[in-house]
Structure formats: structure tokens, C-alpha cells
Amino acid sequence: MLEVNGLAVAYGAIEAVRDVGFTVEEGQIVCLVGTNGAGKSTTLRTISGLLRPHRGEIRFLGRPIHDLPAHSILAAGIAHCPEGRRLFAGMTVEENLLLGAHLRRDRRVGRDMEHVYDLFPVLGERRTQRAGLFSGGEQQMLAIGRAMMARPKLLMFDEPTMGLSPIMIKQLLETIAMLRSGGTTILMVEQNALAALTLADHGYVIDLGRTTLSGPGKELLADQRVREAYLG
């Protein structure tokens, strides 16, 4: 479904990503793990069109997308649930969800919103309240719901469990697994390598802007290099 080859991305003179490559097969959960500053979030921002690579290629469903604007990439079927949630704090739950569907012209938006409320009942109960009043976990639910409203083929998560309680982390990871079982392919960046690789069909380790290791999630969990570097 997604192919990233030889990706290099810079912020001015600083090259944050030097040589990242990986693939995501349809129906998989794929996780990118690595230390802070390794280039994981930059990679997702480049896939979603927020940044432009100066080298390399990104292909989605066989089509190159690395030169497309962000709204065209979203329309093609890639939604991005960003680090820090990036909600509109002064807008209601319902208004934030509708923004996730702003490119759609079909008549199923209302039905999909009800599906989000079924998945996260607290959002349905507080649909008219402003997002800025919510806890971190509730805001993450809303960020996931907003991304779901685009009906993506590929849904990217950037640090979805950051700053959340163990109970909320467990609930969100179960939700991500449920989305995959419902037919959505998942690409996830996650600092919690143990949780990420336990969930993942396949994982890639990114270090200093380069892909250094890859394999099935459980195999990477058992790799001594991964255990020493990311699992303590």
C-alpha cells in the first residue's frame, strides 16, 4: 500500500531524515520506533504532505505522492493523527469531527460521526462541549475520531499514547487494533517500543534519520540490540 524509498528531509540546513525506507502492506499495523529526534515524526509529516523531501520517493497504492499537496494526499486516502492532537480547542467535539470530513461530498458523514460516538461514548455525551475542556485522553479520542471521519485507507498515528495514563494507553491501543480489524491499515510512530512492537505486524527502527533494523514486531522485541536500546 505504501512504499517509502531513500527518503531525505531537511529543516533548513539541518537534515533530519537521511535515508529512511519501509513498506506498509494493506491490512497491517506497522510501527516506527526510535529515540527522540530520530526522524520518525518528520517521516510522517512528509508522507502527509506537510513537508517536502529533497530526496527519495513516497508511493501510495502505486502512485507517487511526494510532490502532492497535503489536501490531495488526504483525498487519496491517508489521514494523519498528529503528535499533540492539534485540535481546535475553541470548537466543539462535533465541529472538530466535521473538520475531519471537510473533503467529503457523500451522504455518510452523519453515520460515520455516530460510529465515532459509539467507539468513544464520552465524545457523544459531550458533543456540544469545546475540545479545550477535555482531558488528554479525551482529546486523543477526539483526534482519532477526527482522523476517522476522513474514511482513510491508511491512518497514521504519531505518539498516540504520549502523556496518558496506563488505563488510557491500553484503551487506545485496543482501539487501534480494532480499527485495523475493521479494514484500516495503520502506520504508527510510538516512543513506547514495547507497546508498539507487541501490537505491530511489522516494525522498523529509525536511528539518526536512517532505517537501521526491520522485521516482524515480535522478532524485533526479541532482538538484543532493540532490547538494549529501547526496552532497557
Protein backbone atom coordinates (compact mmCIF):
# COMPACT_ATOMS: atom_id res chain seq x y z
CA MET A 1 0.00 0.00 0.00
CA LEU A 2 2.75 2.47 0.99
CA GLU A 3 6.38 2.49 -0.18
CA VAL A 4 8.99 4.91 1.17
CA ASN A 5 12.37 4.74 -0.55
CA GLY A 6 15.56 6.65 0.24
CA LEU A 7 13.69 9.47 1.96
CA ALA A 8 15.69 12.56 2.98
CA VAL A 9 14.15 15.65 4.57
CA ALA A 10 15.79 18.81 5.91
CA TYR A 11 14.78 21.76 8.09
CA GLY A 12 16.88 24.47 6.51
CA ALA A 13 20.47 23.24 6.64
CA ILE A 14 19.67 20.51 9.17
CA GLU A 15 18.97 17.11 7.62
CA ALA A 16 16.51 15.40 9.96
CA VAL A 17 15.93 12.35 7.76
CA ARG A 18 18.82 10.97 5.71
CA ASP A 19 17.84 7.58 4.33
CA VAL A 20 14.52 6.17 5.52
CA GLY A 21 12.84 3.34 3.68
CA PHE A 22 9.99 0.98 4.55
CA THR A 23 6.79 -0.55 3.20
CA VAL A 24 3.30 -0.92 4.61
CA GLU A 25 1.14 -3.75 3.33
CA GLU A 26 -2.63 -3.43 3.22
CA GLY A 27 -4.24 -4.57 6.45
CA GLN A 28 -1.08 -4.31 8.56
CA ILE A 29 -0.14 -2.37 11.65
CA VAL A 30 3.39 -1.08 11.03
CA CYS A 31 5.33 0.75 13.74
CA LEU A 32 8.34 3.05 13.50
CA VAL A 33 10.38 3.10 16.70
CA GLY A 34 13.45 5.05 17.72
CA THR A 35 14.76 7.66 20.11
CA ASN A 36 13.58 11.28 20.24
CA GLY A 37 15.00 13.17 17.28
CA ALA A 38 15.49 10.06 15.16
CA GLY A 39 13.27 11.39 12.36
CA LYS A 40 10.08 9.43 12.96
CA SER A 41 7.65 12.36 13.18
CA THR A 42 9.38 14.11 10.28
CA THR A 43 8.78 10.99 8.20
CA LEU A 44 5.04 11.02 8.92
CA ARG A 45 4.79 14.76 8.25
CA THR A 46 6.46 14.20 4.89
CA ILE A 47 4.13 11.34 3.95
CA SER A 48 1.11 13.53 4.72
CA GLY A 49 2.45 16.41 2.61
CA LEU A 50 3.26 18.85 5.41
CA LEU A 51 6.95 18.68 4.48
CA ARG A 52 8.71 18.13 1.15
CA PRO A 53 11.57 15.67 0.73
CA HIS A 54 14.69 16.81 -1.06
CA ARG A 55 15.50 13.23 -1.98
CA GLY A 56 13.66 9.93 -2.21
CA GLU A 57 10.20 8.73 -3.17
CA ILE A 58 6.86 8.01 -1.49
CA ARG A 59 4.32 5.88 -3.34
CA PHE A 60 0.77 5.17 -2.20
CA LEU A 61 -1.22 2.47 -3.99
CA GLY A 62 1.43 2.54 -6.71
CA ARG A 63 1.22 6.30 -7.28
CA PRO A 64 3.98 8.78 -6.34
CA ILE A 65 2.64 11.29 -3.81
CA HIS A 66 5.74 13.10 -2.50
CA ASP A 67 5.06 16.14 -4.72
CA LEU A 68 1.33 16.37 -3.95
CA PRO A 69 -0.17 18.99 -1.60
CA ALA A 70 -1.47 17.79 1.76
CA HIS A 71 -5.16 18.04 0.82
CA SER A 72 -4.61 15.81 -2.22
CA ILE A 73 -2.84 13.21 -0.09
CA LEU A 74 -5.75 13.24 2.36
CA ALA A 75 -8.19 12.87 -0.53
CA ALA A 76 -6.16 9.91 -1.82
CA GLY A 77 -6.78 8.08 1.47
CA ILE A 78 -4.06 8.95 4.01
CA ALA A 79 -5.11 10.60 7.28
CA HIS A 80 -2.67 11.83 9.93
CA CYS A 81 -3.42 11.86 13.67
CA PRO A 82 -0.58 14.16 14.75
CA GLU A 83 1.57 14.33 17.84
CA GLY A 84 -0.01 16.66 20.38
CA ARG A 85 -3.53 16.09 18.93
CA ARG A 86 -3.70 19.56 17.26
CA LEU A 87 -7.38 20.02 17.97
CA PHE A 88 -9.25 23.31 17.66
CA ALA A 89 -9.68 23.96 21.37
CA GLY A 90 -12.38 26.61 20.99
CA MET A 91 -14.55 24.42 18.79
CA THR A 92 -16.94 21.69 19.92
CA VAL A 93 -16.46 17.96 19.57
CA GLU A 94 -18.89 17.88 16.68
CA GLU A 95 -17.21 20.80 14.91
CA ASN A 96 -13.79 19.14 15.20
CA LEU A 97 -15.21 15.90 13.79
CA LEU A 98 -16.84 17.70 10.88
CA LEU A 99 -13.49 19.27 10.02
CA GLY A 100 -12.12 15.75 9.59
CA ALA A 101 -14.73 15.21 6.87
CA HIS A 102 -14.29 18.56 5.12
CA LEU A 103 -13.19 17.00 1.80
CA ARG A 104 -16.07 14.54 1.67
CA ARG A 105 -19.15 15.03 -0.50
CA ASP A 106 -21.00 11.79 0.30
CA ARG A 107 -24.05 11.37 2.50
CA ARG A 108 -22.48 9.08 5.10
CA VAL A 109 -20.82 11.75 7.25
CA GLY A 110 -23.55 11.69 9.89
CA ARG A 111 -23.43 7.90 10.08
CA ASP A 112 -19.66 7.93 10.48
CA MET A 113 -19.93 10.53 13.24
CA GLU A 114 -22.31 8.24 15.12
CA HIS A 115 -19.77 5.44 14.68
CA VAL A 116 -17.15 7.63 16.37
CA TYR A 117 -19.58 8.26 19.22
CA ASP A 118 -20.23 4.52 19.52
CA LEU A 119 -16.48 3.91 19.71
CA PHE A 120 -15.89 6.74 22.20
CA PRO A 121 -19.16 7.27 24.15
CA VAL A 122 -17.74 10.20 26.14
CA LEU A 123 -17.49 12.17 22.90
CA GLY A 124 -21.14 11.57 22.14
CA GLU A 125 -22.14 12.63 25.64
CA ARG A 126 -20.14 15.87 25.32
CA ARG A 127 -20.55 16.57 21.62
CA THR A 128 -21.51 20.21 22.16
CA GLN A 129 -18.64 20.99 24.54
CA ARG A 130 -15.40 22.69 23.50
CA ALA A 131 -12.43 20.42 22.92
CA GLY A 132 -10.17 22.54 25.11
CA LEU A 133 -12.12 21.46 28.20
CA PHE A 134 -11.24 17.79 27.74
CA SER A 135 -8.56 15.68 29.44
CA GLY A 136 -5.54 14.49 27.47
CA GLY A 137 -7.07 11.07 26.94
CA GLU A 138 -10.39 12.50 25.79
CA GLN A 139 -8.59 14.84 23.41
CA GLN A 140 -6.72 11.89 21.95
CA MET A 141 -10.02 10.10 21.38
CA LEU A 142 -11.28 13.17 19.55
CA ALA A 143 -8.11 13.40 17.45
CA ILE A 144 -8.55 9.76 16.44
CA GLY A 145 -12.23 10.35 15.68
CA ARG A 146 -11.42 13.39 13.55
CA ALA A 147 -8.95 11.33 11.50
CA MET A 148 -11.50 8.54 11.13
CA MET A 149 -14.01 10.99 9.68
CA ALA A 150 -11.89 11.22 6.52
CA ARG A 151 -12.57 7.47 5.94
CA PRO A 152 -8.86 6.83 5.28
CA LYS A 153 -7.38 3.71 3.75
CA LEU A 154 -4.18 4.38 5.73
CA LEU A 155 -4.31 6.03 9.16
CA MET A 156 -1.06 7.38 10.64
CA PHE A 157 -0.63 7.89 14.38
CA ASP A 158 2.18 10.00 15.84
CA GLU A 159 2.84 9.18 19.52
CA PRO A 160 -0.80 8.38 20.36
CA THR A 161 -0.07 7.30 23.96
CA MET A 162 2.18 10.22 24.96
CA GLY A 163 1.33 11.62 28.39
CA LEU A 164 -1.59 9.27 29.01
CA SER A 165 -2.38 7.01 31.96
CA PRO A 166 -1.75 3.24 31.70
CA ILE A 167 -5.51 2.58 31.56
CA MET A 168 -5.98 5.09 28.73
CA ILE A 169 -2.95 3.72 26.87
CA LYS A 170 -4.46 0.23 27.00
CA GLN A 171 -7.80 1.52 25.72
CA LEU A 172 -6.26 3.45 22.83
CA LEU A 173 -4.08 0.56 21.71
CA GLU A 174 -7.15 -1.69 21.74
CA THR A 175 -8.94 0.92 19.62
CA ILE A 176 -6.09 0.97 17.10
CA ALA A 177 -6.22 -2.82 16.85
CA MET A 178 -10.00 -2.59 16.35
CA LEU A 179 -9.56 -0.08 13.52
CA ARG A 180 -7.21 -2.49 11.77
CA SER A 181 -9.67 -5.34 12.19
CA GLY A 182 -12.27 -3.08 10.56
CA GLY A 183 -10.14 -2.72 7.44
CA THR A 184 -7.99 0.36 8.11
CA THR A 185 -4.25 -0.01 7.60
CA ILE A 186 -2.18 1.58 10.38
CA LEU A 187 1.23 3.27 10.39
CA MET A 188 2.27 4.31 13.89
CA VAL A 189 5.15 6.19 15.48
CA GLU A 190 5.41 5.34 19.16
CA GLN A 191 8.02 6.08 21.82
CA ASN A 192 6.74 3.13 23.88
CA ALA A 193 8.59 0.48 21.88
CA LEU A 194 7.29 -2.42 23.96
CA ALA A 195 3.65 -1.50 23.36
CA ALA A 196 4.24 -0.64 19.70
CA LEU A 197 6.11 -3.78 18.73
CA THR A 198 3.74 -6.00 20.69
CA LEU A 199 0.89 -4.61 18.59
CA ALA A 200 2.70 -4.40 15.25
CA ASP A 201 2.73 -6.88 12.40
CA HIS A 202 5.99 -5.32 11.27
CA GLY A 203 8.37 -2.79 12.75
CA TYR A 204 11.20 -0.54 11.61
CA VAL A 205 13.87 1.03 13.79
CA ILE A 206 14.91 4.54 12.78
CA ASP A 207 18.16 5.87 14.18
CA LEU A 208 19.73 9.24 13.32
CA GLY A 209 17.47 9.63 10.28
CA ARG A 210 18.11 6.19 8.83
CA THR A 211 16.26 2.87 8.84
CA THR A 212 18.62 0.53 10.66
CA LEU A 213 16.57 -2.58 11.51
CA SER A 214 13.31 -4.15 10.41
CA GLY A 215 11.29 -7.27 10.96
CA PRO A 216 8.08 -8.69 12.43
CA GLY A 217 7.18 -6.92 15.66
CA LYS A 218 7.74 -9.95 17.88
CA GLU A 219 11.13 -10.63 16.29
CA LEU A 220 12.27 -7.07 16.95
CA LEU A 221 11.11 -7.39 20.55
CA ALA A 222 13.40 -10.38 20.92
CA ASP A 223 16.37 -8.68 19.21
CA GLN A 224 19.05 -7.94 21.79
CA ARG A 225 20.02 -4.67 20.08
CA VAL A 226 16.45 -3.39 20.27
CA ARG A 227 16.06 -4.53 23.86
CA GLU A 228 19.22 -2.75 24.98
CA ALA A 229 18.48 0.47 23.08
CA TYR A 230 14.73 0.88 23.57
CA LEU A 231 13.47 -1.52 26.22
CA GLY A 232 16.12 -1.10 28.93
